[in-house]
Amino acid sequence: MNRKEALSSFIQQIHARPVVVKLNSGVDYRGVLACLDGYMNIALEQTEEYVNGQLKNKFGDAFIRGNNVLYISTQKRRI
């Protein structure tokens, strides 16, 4: 599997699942991945904003512009 196929497979696996999006500013957004495009623009549902590990805001839906994204990772589901 080449790099492009691996990335495509990862995106398919995390779609509609809880993720953590870390921004270049250090802020984390946690929510359910609704959409991700080739520019790393991200749409999240049930979004929570964390600053220095502390919950600061809750949003229904959020759109994050790709040039602000440091990384995206999976998040374990809360029980």
PDB file of N, CA and C in Angstrom:
ATOM      1  N   MET A   1       0.850  -1.170   0.000  1.00  0.00           N
ATOM      2  CA  MET A   1       0.000   0.000   0.000  1.00  0.00           C
ATOM      3  C   MET A   1       0.905   1.245   0.000  1.00  0.00           C
ATOM      4  N   ASN A   2       0.673   2.124  -0.974  1.00  0.00           N
ATOM      5  CA  ASN A   2       1.490   3.334  -1.012  1.00  0.00           C
ATOM      6  C   ASN A   2       0.952   4.377  -0.034  1.00  0.00           C
ATOM      7  N   ARG A   3       1.644   5.478   0.065  1.00  0.00           N
ATOM      8  CA  ARG A   3       1.325   6.512   1.051  1.00  0.00           C
ATOM      9  C   ARG A   3      -0.074   7.113   0.824  1.00  0.00           C
ATOM     10  N   LYS A   4      -0.403   7.363  -0.439  1.00  0.00           N
ATOM     11  CA  LYS A   4      -1.707   7.955  -0.757  1.00  0.00           C
ATOM     12  C   LYS A   4      -2.841   6.995  -0.396  1.00  0.00           C
ATOM     13  N   GLU A   5      -2.671   5.724  -0.680  1.00  0.00           N
ATOM     14  CA  GLU A   5      -3.685   4.724  -0.330  1.00  0.00           C
ATOM     15  C   GLU A   5      -3.821   4.595   1.184  1.00  0.00           C
ATOM     16  N   ALA A   6      -2.700   4.656   1.895  1.00  0.00           N
ATOM     17  CA  ALA A   6      -2.726   4.551   3.356  1.00  0.00           C
ATOM     18  C   ALA A   6      -3.479   5.727   3.969  1.00  0.00           C
ATOM     19  N   LEU A   7      -3.245   6.927   3.451  1.00  0.00           N
ATOM     20  CA  LEU A   7      -3.947   8.106   3.948  1.00  0.00           C
ATOM     21  C   LEU A   7      -5.441   8.006   3.662  1.00  0.00           C
ATOM     22  N   SER A   8      -5.788   7.579   2.463  1.00  0.00           N
ATOM     23  CA  SER A   8      -7.196   7.421   2.096  1.00  0.00           C
ATOM     24  C   SER A   8      -7.879   6.393   2.989  1.00  0.00           C
ATOM     25  N   SER A   9      -7.196   5.309   3.281  1.00  0.00           N
ATOM     26  CA  SER A   9      -7.734   4.273   4.154  1.00  0.00           C
ATOM     27  C   SER A   9      -7.940   4.805   5.569  1.00  0.00           C
ATOM     28  N   PHE A  10      -6.970   5.582   6.074  1.00  0.00           N
ATOM     29  CA  PHE A  10      -7.086   6.171   7.412  1.00  0.00           C
ATOM     30  C   PHE A  10      -8.297   7.098   7.483  1.00  0.00           C
ATOM     31  N   ILE A  11      -8.475   7.942   6.478  1.00  0.00           N
ATOM     32  CA  ILE A  11      -9.596   8.880   6.461  1.00  0.00           C
ATOM     33  C   ILE A  11     -10.924   8.131   6.445  1.00  0.00           C
ATOM     34  N   GLN A  12     -11.013   7.064   5.664  1.00  0.00           N
ATOM     35  CA  GLN A  12     -12.240   6.262   5.634  1.00  0.00           C
ATOM     36  C   GLN A  12     -12.521   5.628   6.992  1.00  0.00           C
ATOM     37  N   GLN A  13     -11.486   5.206   7.685  1.00  0.00           N
ATOM     38  CA  GLN A  13     -11.655   4.551   8.979  1.00  0.00           C
ATOM     39  C   GLN A  13     -12.124   5.516  10.065  1.00  0.00           C
ATOM     40  N   ILE A  14     -11.702   6.773   9.995  1.00  0.00           N
ATOM     41  CA  ILE A  14     -12.047   7.705  11.065  1.00  0.00           C
ATOM     42  C   ILE A  14     -13.287   8.542  10.767  1.00  0.00           C
ATOM     43  N   HIS A  15     -13.823   8.455   9.556  1.00  0.00           N
ATOM     44  CA  HIS A  15     -15.021   9.234   9.226  1.00  0.00           C
ATOM     45  C   HIS A  15     -16.172   8.838  10.151  1.00  0.00           C
ATOM     46  N   ALA A  16     -16.860   9.828  10.694  1.00  0.00           N
ATOM     47  CA  ALA A  16     -17.996   9.642  11.614  1.00  0.00           C
ATOM     48  C   ALA A  16     -17.574   9.047  12.962  1.00  0.00           C
ATOM     49  N   ARG A  17     -16.306   9.218  13.312  1.00  0.00           N
ATOM     50  CA  ARG A  17     -15.790   8.740  14.603  1.00  0.00           C
ATOM     51  C   ARG A  17     -15.179   9.904  15.378  1.00  0.00           C
ATOM     52  N   PRO A  18     -15.042   9.749  16.677  1.00  0.00           N
ATOM     53  CA  PRO A  18     -14.429  10.814  17.487  1.00  0.00           C
ATOM     54  C   PRO A  18     -12.959  11.028  17.122  1.00  0.00           C
ATOM     55  N   VAL A  19     -12.567  12.301  16.967  1.00  0.00           N
ATOM     56  CA  VAL A  19     -11.187  12.643  16.636  1.00  0.00           C
ATOM     57  C   VAL A  19     -10.733  13.830  17.491  1.00  0.00           C
ATOM     58  N   VAL A  20      -9.429  14.004  17.535  1.00  0.00           N
ATOM     59  CA  VAL A  20      -8.812  15.184  18.149  1.00  0.00           C
ATOM     60  C   VAL A  20      -8.073  15.909  17.032  1.00  0.00           C
ATOM     61  N   VAL A  21      -8.331  17.201  16.900  1.00  0.00           N
ATOM     62  CA  VAL A  21      -7.637  18.034  15.923  1.00  0.00           C
ATOM     63  C   VAL A  21      -6.809  19.042  16.704  1.00  0.00           C
ATOM     64  N   LYS A  22      -5.501  18.991  16.530  1.00  0.00           N
ATOM     65  CA  LYS A  22      -4.586  19.911  17.214  1.00  0.00           C
ATOM     66  C   LYS A  22      -4.201  21.010  16.232  1.00  0.00           C
ATOM     67  N   LEU A  23      -4.364  22.259  16.650  1.00  0.00           N
ATOM     68  CA  LEU A  23      -4.023  23.395  15.808  1.00  0.00           C
ATOM     69  C   LEU A  23      -2.600  23.865  16.069  1.00  0.00           C
ATOM     70  N   ASN A  24      -2.059  24.617  15.124  1.00  0.00           N
ATOM     71  CA  ASN A  24      -0.711  25.179  15.278  1.00  0.00           C
ATOM     72  C   ASN A  24      -0.614  26.045  16.527  1.00  0.00           C
ATOM     73  N   SER A  25      -1.718  26.637  16.953  1.00  0.00           N
ATOM     74  CA  SER A  25      -1.748  27.498  18.139  1.00  0.00           C
ATOM     75  C   SER A  25      -1.699  26.711  19.446  1.00  0.00           C
ATOM     76  N   GLY A  26      -1.860  25.387  19.368  1.00  0.00           N
ATOM     77  CA  GLY A  26      -1.859  24.548  20.558  1.00  0.00           C
ATOM     78  C   GLY A  26      -3.246  24.199  21.062  1.00  0.00           C
ATOM     79  N   VAL A  27      -4.284  24.789  20.490  1.00  0.00           N
ATOM     80  CA  VAL A  27      -5.666  24.509  20.886  1.00  0.00           C
ATOM     81  C   VAL A  27      -6.087  23.170  20.300  1.00  0.00           C
ATOM     82  N   ASP A  28      -6.826  22.377  21.088  1.00  0.00           N
ATOM     83  CA  ASP A  28      -7.370  21.091  20.638  1.00  0.00           C
ATOM     84  C   ASP A  28      -8.865  21.226  20.405  1.00  0.00           C
ATOM     85  N   TYR A  29      -9.345  20.597  19.351  1.00  0.00           N
ATOM     86  CA  TYR A  29     -10.781  20.463  19.121  1.00  0.00           C
ATOM     87  C   TYR A  29     -11.088  18.984  19.082  1.00  0.00           C
ATOM     88  N   ARG A  30     -12.097  18.585  19.839  1.00  0.00           N
ATOM     89  CA  ARG A  30     -12.497  17.180  19.902  1.00  0.00           C
ATOM     90  C   ARG A  30     -13.948  17.087  19.464  1.00  0.00           C
ATOM     91  N   GLY A  31     -14.211  16.162  18.558  1.00  0.00           N
ATOM     92  CA  GLY A  31     -15.567  15.989  18.067  1.00  0.00           C
ATOM     93  C   GLY A  31     -15.645  14.829  17.107  1.00  0.00           C
ATOM     94  N   VAL A  32     -16.795  14.700  16.475  1.00  0.00           N
ATOM     95  CA  VAL A  32     -17.036  13.620  15.517  1.00  0.00           C
ATOM     96  C   VAL A  32     -16.728  14.153  14.121  1.00  0.00           C
ATOM     97  N   LEU A  33     -15.863  13.465  13.400  1.00  0.00           N
ATOM     98  CA  LEU A  33     -15.456  13.899  12.064  1.00  0.00           C
ATOM     99  C   LEU A  33     -16.612  13.771  11.090  1.00  0.00           C
ATOM    100  N   ALA A  34     -17.035  14.896  10.533  1.00  0.00           N
ATOM    101  CA  ALA A  34     -18.116  14.900   9.554  1.00  0.00           C
ATOM    102  C   ALA A  34     -17.564  14.927   8.131  1.00  0.00           C
ATOM    103  N   CYS A  35     -16.462  15.656   7.929  1.00  0.00           N
ATOM    104  CA  CYS A  35     -15.920  15.820   6.586  1.00  0.00           C
ATOM    105  C   CYS A  35     -14.463  16.244   6.660  1.00  0.00           C
ATOM    106  N   LEU A  36     -13.693  15.790   5.695  1.00  0.00           N
ATOM    107  CA  LEU A  36     -12.283  16.150   5.590  1.00  0.00           C
ATOM    108  C   LEU A  36     -11.947  16.208   4.112  1.00  0.00           C
ATOM    109  N   ASP A  37     -11.339  17.326   3.654  1.00  0.00           N
ATOM    110  CA  ASP A  37     -11.003  17.414   2.239  1.00  0.00           C
ATOM    111  C   ASP A  37      -9.492  17.365   2.022  1.00  0.00           C
ATOM    112  N   GLY A  38      -9.081  17.495   0.778  1.00  0.00           N
ATOM    113  CA  GLY A  38      -7.676  17.385   0.413  1.00  0.00           C
ATOM    114  C   GLY A  38      -6.803  18.505   0.948  1.00  0.00           C
ATOM    115  N   TYR A  39      -7.407  19.600   1.393  1.00  0.00           N
ATOM    116  CA  TYR A  39      -6.663  20.706   1.964  1.00  0.00           C
ATOM    117  C   TYR A  39      -6.627  20.633   3.490  1.00  0.00           C
ATOM    118  N   MET A  40      -7.099  19.535   4.045  1.00  0.00           N
ATOM    119  CA  MET A  40      -7.192  19.312   5.492  1.00  0.00           C
ATOM    120  C   MET A  40      -8.223  20.221   6.150  1.00  0.00           C
ATOM    121  N   ASN A  41      -9.151  20.800   5.372  1.00  0.00           N
ATOM    122  CA  ASN A  41     -10.287  21.496   5.966  1.00  0.00           C
ATOM    123  C   ASN A  41     -11.141  20.431   6.639  1.00  0.00           C
ATOM    124  N   ILE A  42     -11.561  20.709   7.861  1.00  0.00           N
ATOM    125  CA  ILE A  42     -12.232  19.691   8.669  1.00  0.00           C
ATOM    126  C   ILE A  42     -13.559  20.220   9.180  1.00  0.00           C
ATOM    127  N   ALA A  43     -14.590  19.410   9.064  1.00  0.00           N
ATOM    128  CA  ALA A  43     -15.885  19.716   9.670  1.00  0.00           C
ATOM    129  C   ALA A  43     -16.101  18.717  10.795  1.00  0.00           C
ATOM    130  N   LEU A  44     -16.412  19.234  11.985  1.00  0.00           N
ATOM    131  CA  LEU A  44     -16.657  18.404  13.161  1.00  0.00           C
ATOM    132  C   LEU A  44     -18.064  18.642  13.680  1.00  0.00           C
ATOM    133  N   GLU A  45     -18.631  17.631  14.276  1.00  0.00           N
ATOM    134  CA  GLU A  45     -19.908  17.720  14.976  1.00  0.00           C
ATOM    135  C   GLU A  45     -19.650  17.450  16.453  1.00  0.00           C
ATOM    136  N   GLN A  46     -20.541  17.941  17.324  1.00  0.00           N
ATOM    137  CA  GLN A  46     -20.418  17.740  18.774  1.00  0.00           C
ATOM    138  C   GLN A  46     -19.017  18.159  19.251  1.00  0.00           C
ATOM    139  N   THR A  47     -18.621  19.348  18.858  1.00  0.00           N
ATOM    140  CA  THR A  47     -17.248  19.820  19.045  1.00  0.00           C
ATOM    141  C   THR A  47     -17.024  20.449  20.412  1.00  0.00           C
ATOM    142  N   GLU A  48     -15.872  20.138  20.989  1.00  0.00           N
ATOM    143  CA  GLU A  48     -15.428  20.748  22.234  1.00  0.00           C
ATOM    144  C   GLU A  48     -14.061  21.372  21.997  1.00  0.00           C
ATOM    145  N   GLU A  49     -13.854  22.569  22.546  1.00  0.00           N
ATOM    146  CA  GLU A  49     -12.587  23.279  22.412  1.00  0.00           C
ATOM    147  C   GLU A  49     -11.821  23.195  23.730  1.00  0.00           C
ATOM    148  N   TYR A  50     -10.574  22.766  23.667  1.00  0.00           N
ATOM    149  CA  TYR A  50      -9.719  22.650  24.848  1.00  0.00           C
ATOM    150  C   TYR A  50      -8.498  23.547  24.686  1.00  0.00           C
ATOM    151  N   VAL A  51      -8.245  24.361  25.703  1.00  0.00           N
ATOM    152  CA  VAL A  51      -7.064  25.221  25.735  1.00  0.00           C
ATOM    153  C   VAL A  51      -6.267  24.825  26.967  1.00  0.00           C
ATOM    154  N   ASN A  52      -5.026  24.457  26.770  1.00  0.00           N
ATOM    155  CA  ASN A  52      -4.164  23.977  27.857  1.00  0.00           C
ATOM    156  C   ASN A  52      -4.819  22.842  28.636  1.00  0.00           C
ATOM    157  N   GLY A  53      -5.516  21.960  27.925  1.00  0.00           N
ATOM    158  CA  GLY A  53      -6.145  20.800  28.546  1.00  0.00           C
ATOM    159  C   GLY A  53      -7.461  21.075  29.241  1.00  0.00           C
ATOM    160  N   GLN A  54      -7.892  22.329  29.263  1.00  0.00           N
ATOM    161  CA  GLN A  54      -9.128  22.712  29.941  1.00  0.00           C
ATOM    162  C   GLN A  54     -10.240  22.963  28.914  1.00  0.00           C
ATOM    163  N   LEU A  55     -11.418  22.408  29.168  1.00  0.00           N
ATOM    164  CA  LEU A  55     -12.567  22.630  28.302  1.00  0.00           C
ATOM    165  C   LEU A  55     -12.961  24.105  28.350  1.00  0.00           C
ATOM    166  N   LYS A  56     -13.010  24.764  27.193  1.00  0.00           N
ATOM    167  CA  LYS A  56     -13.341  26.193  27.141  1.00  0.00           C
ATOM    168  C   LYS A  56     -14.707  26.449  26.496  1.00  0.00           C
ATOM    169  N   ASN A  57     -15.050  25.711  25.433  1.00  0.00           N
ATOM    170  CA  ASN A  57     -16.301  25.931  24.721  1.00  0.00           C
ATOM    171  C   ASN A  57     -16.834  24.624  24.164  1.00  0.00           C
ATOM    172  N   LYS A  58     -18.147  24.615  23.929  1.00  0.00           N
ATOM    173  CA  LYS A  58     -18.791  23.503  23.233  1.00  0.00           C
ATOM    174  C   LYS A  58     -19.552  24.087  22.049  1.00  0.00           C
ATOM    175  N   PHE A  59     -19.407  23.446  20.897  1.00  0.00           N
ATOM    176  CA  PHE A  59     -20.073  23.874  19.677  1.00  0.00           C
ATOM    177  C   PHE A  59     -20.834  22.689  19.093  1.00  0.00           C
ATOM    178  N   GLY A  60     -21.940  22.966  18.441  1.00  0.00           N
ATOM    179  CA  GLY A  60     -22.647  21.894  17.739  1.00  0.00           C
ATOM    180  C   GLY A  60     -21.816  21.427  16.558  1.00  0.00           C
ATOM    181  N   ASP A  61     -21.562  22.337  15.636  1.00  0.00           N
ATOM    182  CA  ASP A  61     -20.753  22.051  14.455  1.00  0.00           C
ATOM    183  C   ASP A  61     -19.610  23.052  14.397  1.00  0.00           C
ATOM    184  N   ALA A  62     -18.480  22.616  13.864  1.00  0.00           N
ATOM    185  CA  ALA A  62     -17.335  23.512  13.717  1.00  0.00           C
ATOM    186  C   ALA A  62     -16.620  23.197  12.408  1.00  0.00           C
ATOM    187  N   PHE A  63     -16.105  24.237  11.782  1.00  0.00           N
ATOM    188  CA  PHE A  63     -15.309  24.097  10.567  1.00  0.00           C
ATOM    189  C   PHE A  63     -13.918  24.634  10.864  1.00  0.00           C
ATOM    190  N   ILE A  64     -12.901  23.829  10.591  1.00  0.00           N
ATOM    191  CA  ILE A  64     -11.519  24.218  10.860  1.00  0.00           C
ATOM    192  C   ILE A  64     -10.773  24.288   9.536  1.00  0.00           C
ATOM    193  N   ARG A  65     -10.196  25.436   9.273  1.00  0.00           N
ATOM    194  CA  ARG A  65      -9.452  25.626   8.033  1.00  0.00           C
ATOM    195  C   ARG A  65      -8.150  24.837   8.086  1.00  0.00           C
ATOM    196  N   GLY A  66      -7.846  24.152   7.000  1.00  0.00           N
ATOM    197  CA  GLY A  66      -6.734  23.214   6.955  1.00  0.00           C
ATOM    198  C   GLY A  66      -5.366  23.779   7.258  1.00  0.00           C
ATOM    199  N   ASN A  67      -5.122  25.056   6.907  1.00  0.00           N
ATOM    200  CA  ASN A  67      -3.784  25.592   7.141  1.00  0.00           C
ATOM    201  C   ASN A  67      -3.491  25.821   8.623  1.00  0.00           C
ATOM    202  N   ASN A  68      -4.497  25.675   9.485  1.00  0.00           N
ATOM    203  CA  ASN A  68      -4.300  25.806  10.937  1.00  0.00           C
ATOM    204  C   ASN A  68      -4.046  24.470  11.624  1.00  0.00           C
ATOM    205  N   VAL A  69      -4.205  23.370  10.909  1.00  0.00           N
ATOM    206  CA  VAL A  69      -4.152  22.028  11.502  1.00  0.00           C
ATOM    207  C   VAL A  69      -2.717  21.531  11.615  1.00  0.00           C
ATOM    208  N   LEU A  70      -2.342  21.160  12.834  1.00  0.00           N
ATOM    209  CA  LEU A  70      -1.044  20.533  13.068  1.00  0.00           C
ATOM    210  C   LEU A  70      -1.152  19.032  12.843  1.00  0.00           C
ATOM    211  N   TYR A  71      -2.198  18.406  13.450  1.00  0.00           N
ATOM    212  CA  TYR A  71      -2.454  16.981  13.218  1.00  0.00           C
ATOM    213  C   TYR A  71      -3.893  16.643  13.569  1.00  0.00           C
ATOM    214  N   ILE A  72      -4.299  15.489  13.095  1.00  0.00           N
ATOM    215  CA  ILE A  72      -5.602  14.919  13.445  1.00  0.00           C
ATOM    216  C   ILE A  72      -5.357  13.488  13.894  1.00  0.00           C
ATOM    217  N   SER A  73      -6.002  13.088  14.984  1.00  0.00           N
ATOM    218  CA  SER A  73      -5.833  11.722  15.470  1.00  0.00           C
ATOM    219  C   SER A  73      -7.169  11.195  15.976  1.00  0.00           C
ATOM    220  N   THR A  74      -7.227   9.894  16.136  1.00  0.00           N
ATOM    221  CA  THR A  74      -8.443   9.278  16.649  1.00  0.00           C
ATOM    222  C   THR A  74      -8.541   9.512  18.138  1.00  0.00           C
ATOM    223  N   GLN A  75      -9.749   9.478  18.627  1.00  0.00           N
ATOM    224  CA  GLN A  75     -10.026   9.667  20.053  1.00  0.00           C
ATOM    225  C   GLN A  75     -10.827   8.487  20.515  1.00  0.00           C
ATOM    226  N   LYS A  76     -10.458   7.922  21.648  1.00  0.00           N
ATOM    227  CA  LYS A  76     -11.234   6.828  22.194  1.00  0.00           C
ATOM    228  C   LYS A  76     -12.607   7.327  22.608  1.00  0.00           C
ATOM    229  N   ARG A  77     -13.618   6.506  22.377  1.00  0.00           N
ATOM    230  CA  ARG A  77     -14.978   6.891  22.736  1.00  0.00           C
ATOM    231  C   ARG A  77     -15.115   6.975  24.241  1.00  0.00           C
ATOM    232  N   ARG A  78     -15.876   7.966  24.677  1.00  0.00           N
ATOM    233  CA  ARG A  78     -16.160   8.105  26.108  1.00  0.00           C
ATOM    234  C   ARG A  78     -17.321   7.204  26.479  1.00  0.00           C
ATOM    235  N   ILE A  79     -17.258   6.701  27.677  1.00  0.00           N
ATOM    236  CA  ILE A  79     -18.337   5.819  28.159  1.00  0.00           C
ATOM    237  C   ILE A  79     -19.211   6.590  29.113  1.00  0.00           C
TER     238      ILE A  79
END
